[in-house]
Structure formats: C-alpha cells, structure tokens
Amino acid sequence: MLLRSHHAANEDPLPFELKGSLFTLTVLRLFQADRAAIEGYLTEKVKQAPSFFNNTPVVIDLESLADSKESVDFKGLHELLRGFGMIPVGVRNGSPKQNAAARLAGLPVLTENRAGAGAKKPEPPEPAPSRTRVIAHSIRSGQEIYVADGDLIVLGAVSAGADVAADGNIHVYGPLRGRALAGVKGNGETWIFCQNLEAQLVSIAGRYQTYDQIDGPERGKAAQIHLQEDRLIIQPLAH
C-alpha cells in the first residue's frame, strides 16, 4: 500500500511518501529479567556471529514473563541491546503493567498474540509457501534477496557478505558463502539445499549455525539442512 497525498504534476516534488513494506525482525524471547544474566548470555551469542546481530531490529517478547512478578528494566534492557549493536523496535505479549512500563521507556507495544493474562491464543499451522522466485545469476556481496510466502532458488553462487532469505525453502545451485535464512516467519518445516556449503550463517525458523559451528567434514560439500527436534541438522545432500 502506498500513501500519497494529492499533488499536481506542476507543483514542487513531494518531500516524502509513506509506503507499506515487510521487514524481517529478530525476536528476543525474554525468560528472566536479570540484566547480568542477559548480558552474559548475549555476549556469548554475539561472539558466535557478530555480523548477525549488528544493526538487527529486535522485538522483545515478554510472554514467558507476562505472569511474573519480576519487573523488567526496559530502559536498561534497551541500552544493553543497543550496546551490542541491536535496535529494539518494541515489545509484545506483555502484561498491561509491563506494556505501560515499556511505553514509559520509549518502546512501542506491538500487536500481541496473547488472548488474555495466563492464556495462550492458539496459532494456526504455518501455511505452505505458494510462490517461487528463481534468480538466474549469482548474488554478490552486499546484496539482499527475500522471498515472502515462497521458495527461493539461486542458480548461481551466494557470495560472502550476501543475504538470501525466504519464508519457504532455499535452493542454491552454486557455492553458498553468505547467509541463508529459510522459514523466516517461523515455518520449521522448511529446508536449505546447496551444492557447496561454505556459509557464514545458515538459519531455519530462527535456529542458526555460523561457519565456525559447522563441522569441518560438512564444509565445502553438497548439503541439506533442516530442523529436527528444534535442532539444526546438516547432512550430505542425497543424490
């Protein structure tokens, strides 16, 4: 959707326009409010994949703390995340008290998934991807490709420093050296396939492994990647 005021062709150019768009957001599910514990664990995560968190928009999910009497220092949490290069954009699934505190700290309250305090709203299964996008060339460093509600097929290579993402599966018919994120909207049934696994990062439904975490024997080989019991599994690509 594009919001644009009436403007005659012979008038001065518009100063701006408002355009609806879709962005991928990282969700930080908060299980405890202890700042020291959060900082320590976050330090380890950032060490594993520094570039993954740099300038990453983050939504703070409070569902696990919504019924807790433990207070959350939202201002301190905001400063902590910014110190690690993340960009907090809001909170969700909090209690009315937590939402009020978040607003006072300058954090917007996003659309919630809760159906009342202490109750979870049933969520429908993730719909199967309905579209496929084929890229007939290699993806260069610095390029970002995202396919909403569908699969992505790259007939060339994905260079280091390039990002490919899809709500569905990802197929790379050349070396995968950049980052590949499948199941971006949370579909854990998606897969990543590539002919040469040298990726900086692979992720399915938010579960990821960096290059350093990928076992040596799996690097440089044709691979298929999927989730099994919430763990990322990397296997030789079956021929």
Protein backbone atom coordinates (compact mmCIF):
# COMPACT_ATOMS: atom_id res chain seq x y z
CA MET A 1 0.00 0.00 0.00
CA LEU A 2 1.31 3.44 -0.94
CA LEU A 3 0.03 6.51 0.92
CA ARG A 4 0.48 9.63 -1.15
CA SER A 5 -1.26 12.98 -0.94
CA HIS A 6 -2.90 14.60 -4.00
CA HIS A 7 -0.23 16.60 -5.77
CA ALA A 8 -0.42 18.35 -9.11
CA ALA A 9 2.23 17.49 -11.68
CA ASN A 10 3.42 21.11 -11.93
CA GLU A 11 3.94 21.56 -8.18
CA ASP A 12 7.16 21.05 -6.25
CA PRO A 13 8.27 17.43 -5.68
CA LEU A 14 6.84 15.70 -2.61
CA PRO A 15 9.11 15.77 0.44
CA PHE A 16 8.36 12.13 1.27
CA GLU A 17 5.96 9.24 0.78
CA LEU A 18 4.67 6.56 3.13
CA LYS A 19 4.88 3.03 1.80
CA GLY A 20 3.84 -0.19 3.49
CA SER A 21 6.51 -2.87 3.49
CA LEU A 22 7.54 -6.13 5.16
CA PHE A 23 10.72 -6.47 7.19
CA THR A 24 12.27 -9.45 8.91
CA LEU A 25 12.53 -8.90 12.68
CA THR A 26 14.52 -10.91 15.19
CA VAL A 27 12.52 -11.89 18.28
CA LEU A 28 14.26 -11.91 21.65
CA ARG A 29 12.17 -14.11 23.96
CA LEU A 30 12.86 -12.98 27.50
CA PHE A 31 12.80 -15.78 30.11
CA GLN A 32 14.20 -13.75 33.01
CA ALA A 33 14.76 -10.08 33.79
CA ASP A 34 18.21 -10.35 35.36
CA ARG A 35 20.35 -7.92 33.38
CA ALA A 36 23.66 -9.58 34.26
CA ALA A 37 22.37 -12.97 33.07
CA ILE A 38 21.04 -11.45 29.85
CA GLU A 39 24.30 -9.62 29.18
CA GLY A 40 26.43 -12.70 29.81
CA TYR A 41 24.40 -14.93 27.50
CA LEU A 42 24.15 -12.22 24.86
CA THR A 43 27.91 -11.77 24.92
CA GLU A 44 28.37 -15.44 24.03
CA LYS A 45 25.79 -15.27 21.25
CA VAL A 46 27.35 -12.19 19.68
CA LYS A 47 30.79 -13.84 19.76
CA GLN A 48 29.37 -16.68 17.64
CA ALA A 49 28.02 -14.37 14.93
CA PRO A 50 28.98 -10.70 15.34
CA SER A 51 27.65 -9.57 11.96
CA PHE A 52 24.34 -11.37 12.50
CA PHE A 53 23.39 -9.01 15.34
CA ASN A 54 24.86 -5.77 14.02
CA ASN A 55 22.04 -3.25 13.31
CA THR A 56 19.47 -6.03 13.72
CA PRO A 57 15.92 -4.85 14.56
CA VAL A 58 14.75 -6.74 17.65
CA VAL A 59 11.30 -7.32 19.14
CA ILE A 60 11.29 -8.17 22.87
CA ASP A 61 8.80 -10.97 23.55
CA LEU A 62 7.54 -10.95 27.15
CA GLU A 63 5.18 -13.93 27.03
CA SER A 64 7.28 -16.02 29.42
CA LEU A 65 7.35 -13.15 31.94
CA ALA A 66 3.82 -11.85 31.49
CA ASP A 67 2.58 -13.58 34.66
CA SER A 68 5.77 -12.99 36.63
CA LYS A 69 6.06 -10.52 39.50
CA GLU A 70 9.62 -9.83 38.39
CA SER A 71 9.91 -6.29 37.00
CA VAL A 72 11.74 -5.58 33.76
CA ASP A 73 14.11 -2.64 33.47
CA PHE A 74 13.15 -1.71 29.93
CA LYS A 75 15.37 1.35 29.80
CA GLY A 76 18.37 -0.70 30.91
CA LEU A 77 17.47 -3.51 28.50
CA HIS A 78 17.18 -1.02 25.66
CA GLU A 79 20.63 0.38 26.47
CA LEU A 80 22.08 -3.13 26.75
CA LEU A 81 20.79 -4.23 23.35
CA ARG A 82 21.94 -1.00 21.71
CA GLY A 83 25.38 -1.57 23.23
CA PHE A 84 25.56 -4.86 21.32
CA GLY A 85 24.56 -3.13 18.08
CA MET A 86 20.91 -4.24 18.09
CA ILE A 87 17.95 -1.93 17.51
CA PRO A 88 14.98 -2.59 19.87
CA VAL A 89 11.79 -1.69 17.98
CA GLY A 90 9.15 -2.70 20.53
CA VAL A 91 7.70 -5.31 22.87
CA ARG A 92 4.94 -7.86 22.53
CA ASN A 93 2.96 -10.32 24.66
CA GLY A 94 3.46 -8.38 27.89
CA SER A 95 1.05 -7.78 30.76
CA PRO A 96 -0.73 -4.41 30.98
CA LYS A 97 1.76 -3.32 33.66
CA GLN A 98 4.75 -4.40 31.56
CA ASN A 99 3.32 -2.68 28.48
CA ALA A 100 2.89 0.55 30.41
CA ALA A 101 6.48 0.36 31.68
CA ALA A 102 7.74 -0.35 28.16
CA ARG A 103 5.92 2.70 26.78
CA LEU A 104 7.43 4.89 29.50
CA ALA A 105 10.86 3.65 28.39
CA GLY A 106 10.08 4.65 24.80
CA LEU A 107 9.38 1.14 23.48
CA PRO A 108 6.18 0.71 21.42
CA VAL A 109 3.83 -2.17 22.21
CA LEU A 110 3.36 -4.28 19.09
CA THR A 111 0.40 -6.48 18.19
CA GLU A 112 0.11 -9.19 20.80
CA ASN A 113 -0.57 -12.91 20.36
CA ARG A 114 -1.96 -13.40 23.84
CA ALA A 115 -5.67 -13.97 24.44
CA GLY A 116 -5.61 -12.61 27.98
CA ALA A 117 -3.34 -12.96 31.00
CA GLY A 118 -2.10 -16.50 31.57
CA ALA A 119 -3.75 -17.82 28.41
CA LYS A 120 -2.21 -18.55 25.04
CA LYS A 121 -4.00 -17.89 21.81
CA PRO A 122 -3.97 -20.96 19.55
CA GLU A 123 -1.98 -20.34 16.42
CA PRO A 124 -2.87 -21.94 13.07
CA PRO A 125 -0.22 -24.02 11.31
CA GLU A 126 2.16 -22.08 9.11
CA PRO A 127 0.72 -22.06 5.57
CA ALA A 128 2.73 -23.78 2.86
CA PRO A 129 4.70 -21.40 0.64
CA SER A 130 2.76 -20.54 -2.51
CA ARG A 131 5.34 -18.74 -4.66
CA THR A 132 8.80 -19.47 -6.01
CA ARG A 133 11.39 -16.96 -7.15
CA VAL A 134 14.26 -18.04 -9.38
CA ILE A 135 17.47 -15.99 -9.51
CA ALA A 136 19.39 -16.97 -12.65
CA HIS A 137 22.68 -15.39 -11.58
CA SER A 138 24.98 -15.21 -8.58
CA ILE A 139 24.21 -12.99 -5.58
CA ARG A 140 27.04 -10.54 -4.96
CA SER A 141 28.39 -9.36 -1.62
CA GLY A 142 26.12 -6.72 -0.10
CA GLN A 143 23.01 -7.87 -1.95
CA GLU A 144 19.90 -8.99 -0.02
CA ILE A 145 17.18 -11.19 -1.52
CA TYR A 146 13.97 -12.03 0.37
CA VAL A 147 11.00 -14.06 -0.89
CA ALA A 148 7.79 -13.65 1.09
CA ASP A 149 5.47 -16.67 1.29
CA GLY A 150 7.52 -18.75 -1.10
CA ASP A 151 10.74 -20.56 -2.00
CA LEU A 152 13.97 -19.08 -3.33
CA ILE A 153 16.08 -20.79 -5.99
CA VAL A 154 19.51 -19.35 -6.83
CA LEU A 155 21.12 -20.87 -9.93
CA GLY A 156 24.50 -19.30 -9.17
CA ALA A 157 26.54 -18.68 -6.04
CA VAL A 158 25.74 -16.68 -2.92
CA SER A 159 28.87 -14.65 -2.20
CA ALA A 160 30.24 -13.90 1.25
CA GLY A 161 28.51 -10.81 2.58
CA ALA A 162 25.27 -11.55 0.69
CA ASP A 163 21.97 -12.46 2.35
CA VAL A 164 19.28 -14.76 0.93
CA ALA A 165 16.07 -15.30 2.88
CA ALA A 166 12.69 -16.88 2.27
CA ASP A 167 9.55 -17.82 4.15
CA GLY A 168 9.86 -21.16 2.41
CA ASN A 169 12.81 -23.30 1.28
CA ILE A 170 16.11 -22.10 -0.18
CA HIS A 171 17.95 -23.89 -3.01
CA VAL A 172 21.43 -22.74 -4.03
CA TYR A 173 22.92 -24.46 -7.08
CA GLY A 174 26.37 -22.98 -6.53
CA PRO A 175 28.58 -22.26 -3.51
CA LEU A 176 26.74 -20.84 -0.52
CA ARG A 177 29.22 -18.48 1.14
CA GLY A 178 26.94 -15.77 2.54
CA ARG A 179 23.96 -16.05 4.87
CA ALA A 180 20.86 -18.16 4.15
CA LEU A 181 17.71 -17.86 6.27
CA ALA A 182 14.76 -20.16 5.50
CA GLY A 183 11.42 -20.25 7.29
CA VAL A 184 11.77 -16.59 8.19
CA LYS A 185 8.20 -16.37 9.50
CA GLY A 186 8.72 -19.37 11.76
CA ASN A 187 7.99 -22.34 9.49
CA GLY A 188 10.19 -25.08 10.94
CA GLU A 189 9.33 -27.47 8.10
CA THR A 190 11.49 -25.60 5.59
CA TRP A 191 14.87 -26.74 4.24
CA ILE A 192 18.06 -25.27 2.82
CA PHE A 193 19.83 -27.09 -0.04
CA CYS A 194 23.19 -26.12 -1.53
CA GLN A 195 25.88 -27.64 -3.72
CA ASN A 196 28.81 -26.26 -1.70
CA LEU A 197 28.36 -25.31 1.96
CA GLU A 198 30.73 -22.53 2.96
CA ALA A 199 28.07 -20.31 4.56
CA GLN A 200 28.76 -17.56 7.06
CA LEU A 201 25.43 -18.47 8.65
CA VAL A 202 22.51 -20.79 7.97
CA SER A 203 19.18 -20.43 9.75
CA ILE A 204 15.79 -22.14 9.75
CA ALA A 205 12.91 -20.60 11.70
CA GLY A 206 15.37 -18.59 13.78
CA ARG A 207 17.66 -21.50 14.73
CA TYR A 208 21.07 -20.91 13.25
CA GLN A 209 24.66 -22.05 12.99
CA THR A 210 27.63 -19.93 11.99
CA TYR A 211 30.57 -21.07 9.87
CA ASP A 212 32.64 -21.86 12.99
CA GLN A 213 29.85 -24.10 14.33
CA ILE A 214 29.53 -26.17 11.17
CA ASP A 215 31.50 -29.39 11.43
CA GLY A 216 34.62 -29.49 9.29
CA PRO A 217 33.59 -32.56 7.25
CA GLU A 218 30.36 -30.79 6.21
CA ARG A 219 32.08 -27.70 4.82
CA GLY A 220 32.61 -27.43 1.10
CA LYS A 221 30.21 -30.29 0.40
CA ALA A 222 26.71 -30.52 -1.03
CA ALA A 223 24.36 -30.30 1.95
CA GLN A 224 20.74 -30.34 3.04
CA ILE A 225 19.76 -28.51 6.22
CA HIS A 226 16.59 -28.87 8.28
CA LEU A 227 15.23 -28.81 11.81
CA GLN A 228 14.84 -31.92 13.93
CA GLU A 229 13.51 -31.60 17.49
CA ASP A 230 14.27 -27.88 17.36
CA ARG A 231 17.93 -28.51 16.39
CA LEU A 232 19.57 -27.59 13.12
CA ILE A 233 20.65 -30.72 11.26
CA ILE A 234 23.21 -30.59 8.42
CA GLN A 235 23.50 -33.71 6.25
CA PRO A 236 25.11 -34.64 2.92
CA LEU A 237 22.82 -33.84 0.04
CA ALA A 238 21.21 -37.02 -1.23
CA HIS A 239 21.64 -37.57 -4.96
